[in-house]
């Protein structure tokens, strides 16, 4: 906020802006919780006409009070729902892990599969077939590397990935009421930050779609790629 001049503004809109800036500054510095603006000419010797700037107060003050009220109500509701009063510990009789996988397995996928085995006995891999590949070919390649996890193939002729996955996750969730579904996303982390713009876009969309669905846990299994300098050090003779 720029420093105002040492004298009071003679223009009514500039004077009103200065008063409002002081109120905002007081709230930001937590110097006060209540602000009052008196529209008269006791000290400034200025007449504040309603149409020349005084109407701002009738909009600004109710708006600020409304924001404060909504903020307080949000914190109250959040604290109430997070409280342990009348809390019953949820009982999970079954835990199913769903892993979205590509048609060709890789190191990221195999790492996610091993982690899924460590947290659940019920693991399902699902592939969205957007290229029209043969199911037997995809299944044969999957069984070549992973023989203890069933693979479900979903055809998507319109090359949509997120919607078929969401429908499949809903079907798995509806099988049993006491089933806890975890969606495990295999992701790799590039060495350069800007490489993230080229990868993992489907995972981001799936995370956003599942964020507001209660009862579903979304987790990521990251696999960090090595940079060029690290690979050169490994190849260098010792």
Protein backbone atom coordinates (compact mmCIF):
# COMPACT_ATOMS: atom_id res chain seq x y z
CA UNK A 1 0.00 0.00 0.00
CA UNK A 2 1.60 3.33 -1.03
CA UNK A 3 2.23 5.87 1.68
CA UNK A 4 -0.34 8.70 1.52
CA UNK A 5 0.56 12.36 1.58
CA UNK A 6 0.92 14.16 4.92
CA UNK A 7 -2.18 16.27 4.31
CA UNK A 8 -5.80 15.17 4.15
CA UNK A 9 -7.18 14.75 0.63
CA UNK A 10 -9.52 17.56 -0.35
CA UNK A 11 -11.44 15.41 -2.79
CA UNK A 12 -14.30 13.43 -1.24
CA UNK A 13 -13.64 10.13 -3.13
CA UNK A 14 -9.91 10.31 -2.29
CA UNK A 15 -10.73 10.97 1.36
CA UNK A 16 -13.13 8.02 1.46
CA UNK A 17 -10.52 5.77 -0.15
CA UNK A 18 -7.97 6.81 2.46
CA UNK A 19 -10.38 5.98 5.30
CA UNK A 20 -11.15 2.57 3.79
CA UNK A 21 -7.45 1.86 3.28
CA UNK A 22 -6.82 2.60 6.95
CA UNK A 23 -9.59 0.19 7.95
CA UNK A 24 -8.19 -2.57 5.75
CA UNK A 25 -4.68 -1.95 7.07
CA UNK A 26 -5.92 -2.16 10.67
CA UNK A 27 -7.59 -5.51 9.97
CA UNK A 28 -4.50 -6.87 8.21
CA UNK A 29 -2.24 -5.92 11.13
CA UNK A 30 -4.76 -7.36 13.60
CA UNK A 31 -4.91 -4.06 15.44
CA UNK A 32 -8.67 -4.14 15.73
CA UNK A 33 -11.65 -6.37 15.13
CA UNK A 34 -14.21 -3.55 14.84
CA UNK A 35 -14.04 -0.46 12.63
CA UNK A 36 -16.32 2.57 12.60
CA UNK A 37 -16.39 5.36 10.03
CA UNK A 38 -18.07 8.62 11.02
CA UNK A 39 -19.39 10.61 8.10
CA UNK A 40 -19.35 14.22 9.29
CA UNK A 41 -17.18 17.32 9.08
CA UNK A 42 -15.96 17.67 12.67
CA UNK A 43 -12.24 17.46 11.84
CA UNK A 44 -11.91 17.27 8.09
CA UNK A 45 -14.30 20.18 7.38
CA UNK A 46 -15.66 18.19 4.46
CA UNK A 47 -19.25 17.38 3.57
CA UNK A 48 -19.66 13.74 2.63
CA UNK A 49 -22.47 13.51 0.12
CA UNK A 50 -24.05 10.14 -0.38
CA UNK A 51 -23.66 10.01 -4.15
CA UNK A 52 -20.08 11.28 -4.04
CA UNK A 53 -18.60 8.41 -2.08
CA UNK A 54 -20.50 7.91 1.17
CA UNK A 55 -22.47 5.07 -0.42
CA UNK A 56 -19.29 2.95 -0.39
CA UNK A 57 -19.63 2.49 3.36
CA UNK A 58 -23.08 0.92 3.01
CA UNK A 59 -21.59 -1.67 0.65
CA UNK A 60 -18.16 -2.20 2.18
CA UNK A 61 -19.14 -2.67 5.82
CA UNK A 62 -21.98 -5.21 5.24
CA UNK A 63 -19.74 -7.09 2.82
CA UNK A 64 -16.91 -7.33 5.36
CA UNK A 65 -19.32 -8.42 8.10
CA UNK A 66 -20.78 -11.08 5.80
CA UNK A 67 -17.32 -12.46 5.02
CA UNK A 68 -16.45 -12.55 8.74
CA UNK A 69 -19.73 -14.33 9.52
CA UNK A 70 -19.23 -16.96 6.79
CA UNK A 71 -15.64 -17.54 7.94
CA UNK A 72 -16.65 -18.01 11.57
CA UNK A 73 -19.48 -20.33 10.55
CA UNK A 74 -17.09 -22.43 8.45
CA UNK A 75 -14.64 -22.88 11.34
CA UNK A 76 -17.50 -23.72 13.71
CA UNK A 77 -18.94 -26.38 11.38
CA UNK A 78 -15.50 -27.84 10.66
CA UNK A 79 -14.67 -28.09 14.38
CA UNK A 80 -18.06 -29.67 15.09
CA UNK A 81 -17.66 -32.35 12.42
CA UNK A 82 -14.06 -33.12 13.42
CA UNK A 83 -14.92 -33.44 17.10
CA UNK A 84 -14.72 -36.86 18.77
CA UNK A 85 -18.07 -36.38 20.49
CA UNK A 86 -20.41 -39.29 19.61
CA UNK A 87 -17.67 -40.69 17.39
CA UNK A 88 -17.91 -44.35 16.41
CA UNK A 89 -14.77 -46.01 15.15
CA UNK A 90 -15.36 -47.13 11.54
CA UNK A 91 -15.11 -50.85 10.94
CA UNK A 92 -13.53 -51.98 7.70
CA UNK A 93 -14.18 -55.66 7.00
CA UNK A 94 -12.57 -55.61 3.57
CA UNK A 95 -10.01 -53.45 1.83
CA UNK A 96 -9.84 -53.40 -1.97
CA UNK A 97 -7.05 -51.68 -3.87
CA UNK A 98 -7.66 -50.56 -7.46
CA UNK A 99 -4.59 -49.75 -9.58
CA UNK A 100 -5.05 -48.00 -12.94
CA UNK A 101 -2.34 -49.39 -15.24
CA UNK A 102 -1.27 -48.86 -18.86
CA UNK A 103 -1.40 -51.59 -21.47
CA UNK A 104 2.37 -52.14 -21.15
CA UNK A 105 3.70 -52.77 -17.61
CA UNK A 106 6.72 -50.80 -16.43
CA UNK A 107 8.76 -50.27 -13.27
CA UNK A 108 6.34 -47.73 -11.86
CA UNK A 109 3.43 -50.17 -12.18
CA UNK A 110 5.31 -53.10 -10.66
CA UNK A 111 6.39 -50.95 -7.71
CA UNK A 112 2.75 -49.93 -7.13
CA UNK A 113 1.63 -53.58 -7.31
CA UNK A 114 4.15 -54.63 -4.67
CA UNK A 115 3.04 -51.81 -2.40
CA UNK A 116 -0.61 -52.75 -2.92
CA UNK A 117 0.14 -56.30 -1.77
CA UNK A 118 1.58 -54.89 1.46
CA UNK A 119 -1.65 -53.10 2.41
CA UNK A 120 -4.34 -55.46 1.10
CA UNK A 121 -4.97 -58.97 -0.11
CA UNK A 122 -7.60 -57.80 -2.62
CA UNK A 123 -5.81 -56.00 -5.46
CA UNK A 124 -7.36 -55.30 -8.85
CA UNK A 125 -5.56 -53.78 -11.83
CA UNK A 126 -7.66 -51.95 -14.40
CA UNK A 127 -6.63 -50.85 -17.87
CA UNK A 128 -8.58 -48.44 -20.07
CA UNK A 129 -8.11 -49.63 -23.63
CA UNK A 130 -8.22 -46.45 -25.71
CA UNK A 131 -6.26 -47.81 -28.69
CA UNK A 132 -8.46 -50.78 -29.50
CA UNK A 133 -5.77 -53.33 -28.69
CA UNK A 134 -6.55 -57.02 -28.47
CA UNK A 135 -7.55 -58.09 -24.96
CA UNK A 136 -5.60 -61.34 -25.19
CA UNK A 137 -2.42 -59.47 -26.08
CA UNK A 138 -2.80 -57.06 -23.17
CA UNK A 139 -3.61 -59.88 -20.75
CA UNK A 140 -0.71 -62.04 -21.95
CA UNK A 141 1.75 -59.17 -21.50
CA UNK A 142 0.34 -58.45 -18.03
CA UNK A 143 0.56 -62.07 -16.90
CA UNK A 144 4.14 -62.18 -18.10
CA UNK A 145 5.19 -59.72 -15.38
CA UNK A 146 2.34 -59.93 -12.84
CA UNK A 147 0.66 -63.28 -12.33
CA UNK A 148 -1.01 -62.73 -8.96
CA UNK A 149 -3.18 -59.66 -9.70
CA UNK A 150 -6.26 -59.89 -11.94
CA UNK A 151 -6.47 -57.40 -14.80
CA UNK A 152 -9.75 -55.81 -15.86
CA UNK A 153 -9.77 -54.23 -19.32
CA UNK A 154 -12.25 -51.44 -20.08
CA UNK A 155 -12.79 -50.49 -23.71
CA UNK A 156 -13.03 -46.76 -24.38
CA UNK A 157 -13.59 -46.09 -28.10
CA UNK A 158 -13.80 -42.33 -27.49
CA UNK A 159 -10.35 -42.32 -25.79
CA UNK A 160 -11.85 -41.22 -22.49
CA UNK A 161 -9.85 -42.50 -19.52
CA UNK A 162 -11.26 -40.86 -16.40
CA UNK A 163 -14.96 -41.63 -16.93
CA UNK A 164 -14.58 -45.43 -17.39
CA UNK A 165 -12.31 -45.54 -14.35
CA UNK A 166 -14.84 -43.67 -12.23
CA UNK A 167 -17.63 -46.00 -13.32
CA UNK A 168 -15.54 -49.05 -12.48
CA UNK A 169 -14.58 -47.64 -9.07
CA UNK A 170 -18.28 -47.01 -8.34
CA UNK A 171 -19.09 -50.62 -9.21
CA UNK A 172 -16.36 -51.92 -6.91
CA UNK A 173 -17.55 -49.66 -4.10
CA UNK A 174 -21.16 -50.81 -4.47
CA UNK A 175 -20.28 -54.51 -4.17
CA UNK A 176 -20.07 -54.38 -0.36
CA UNK A 177 -21.06 -51.70 2.10
CA UNK A 178 -18.18 -52.49 4.48
CA UNK A 179 -15.55 -52.38 1.74
CA UNK A 180 -12.90 -49.66 1.82
CA UNK A 181 -11.69 -48.81 -1.66
CA UNK A 182 -8.21 -47.39 -2.21
CA UNK A 183 -7.23 -46.08 -5.63
CA UNK A 184 -3.47 -46.45 -5.97
CA UNK A 185 -1.94 -44.30 -8.70
CA UNK A 186 1.47 -45.27 -10.10
CA UNK A 187 3.35 -42.05 -10.89
CA UNK A 188 6.89 -41.20 -11.85
CA UNK A 189 8.61 -37.99 -10.81
CA UNK A 190 10.85 -36.46 -13.51
CA UNK A 191 14.23 -34.97 -12.72
CA UNK A 192 13.27 -31.55 -14.11
CA UNK A 193 10.25 -29.71 -12.71
CA UNK A 194 8.96 -28.64 -16.12
CA UNK A 195 8.81 -32.28 -17.23
CA UNK A 196 5.75 -32.63 -14.97
CA UNK A 197 3.81 -30.65 -17.55
CA UNK A 198 4.28 -33.55 -19.97
CA UNK A 199 3.32 -36.43 -17.69
CA UNK A 200 0.84 -37.61 -15.02
CA UNK A 201 -2.05 -35.52 -16.36
CA UNK A 202 -4.49 -38.43 -16.14
CA UNK A 203 -3.55 -38.97 -12.49
CA UNK A 204 -4.21 -35.31 -11.72
CA UNK A 205 -7.66 -35.45 -13.32
CA UNK A 206 -8.49 -38.67 -11.50
CA UNK A 207 -7.39 -37.18 -8.16
CA UNK A 208 -9.58 -34.15 -8.73
CA UNK A 209 -12.57 -36.31 -9.64
CA UNK A 210 -12.19 -38.55 -6.56
CA UNK A 211 -11.40 -35.78 -4.09
CA UNK A 212 -15.04 -35.05 -3.28
CA UNK A 213 -16.17 -38.68 -3.14
CA UNK A 214 -16.47 -39.85 0.47
CA UNK A 215 -15.26 -43.30 1.41
CA UNK A 216 -12.58 -43.54 -1.29
CA UNK A 217 -8.89 -43.24 -0.47
CA UNK A 218 -6.57 -41.92 -3.19
CA UNK A 219 -2.83 -42.54 -2.84
CA UNK A 220 0.17 -42.20 -5.11
CA UNK A 221 3.23 -44.41 -5.42
CA UNK A 222 6.01 -42.18 -6.81
CA UNK A 223 8.96 -43.46 -8.76
CA UNK A 224 11.75 -40.91 -9.11
CA UNK A 225 13.61 -40.76 -12.40
CA UNK A 226 17.35 -40.23 -12.35
CA UNK A 227 18.84 -37.15 -13.96
CA UNK A 228 21.53 -37.03 -16.64
CA UNK A 229 24.24 -36.10 -14.16
CA UNK A 230 23.46 -39.08 -11.92
CA UNK A 231 23.50 -41.49 -14.84
CA UNK A 232 26.87 -40.12 -16.02
CA UNK A 233 28.34 -40.64 -12.55
CA UNK A 234 27.19 -44.24 -12.54
CA UNK A 235 28.77 -44.92 -15.94
CA UNK A 236 32.04 -43.20 -15.07
CA UNK A 237 34.94 -45.59 -14.24
CA UNK A 238 35.91 -45.71 -10.61
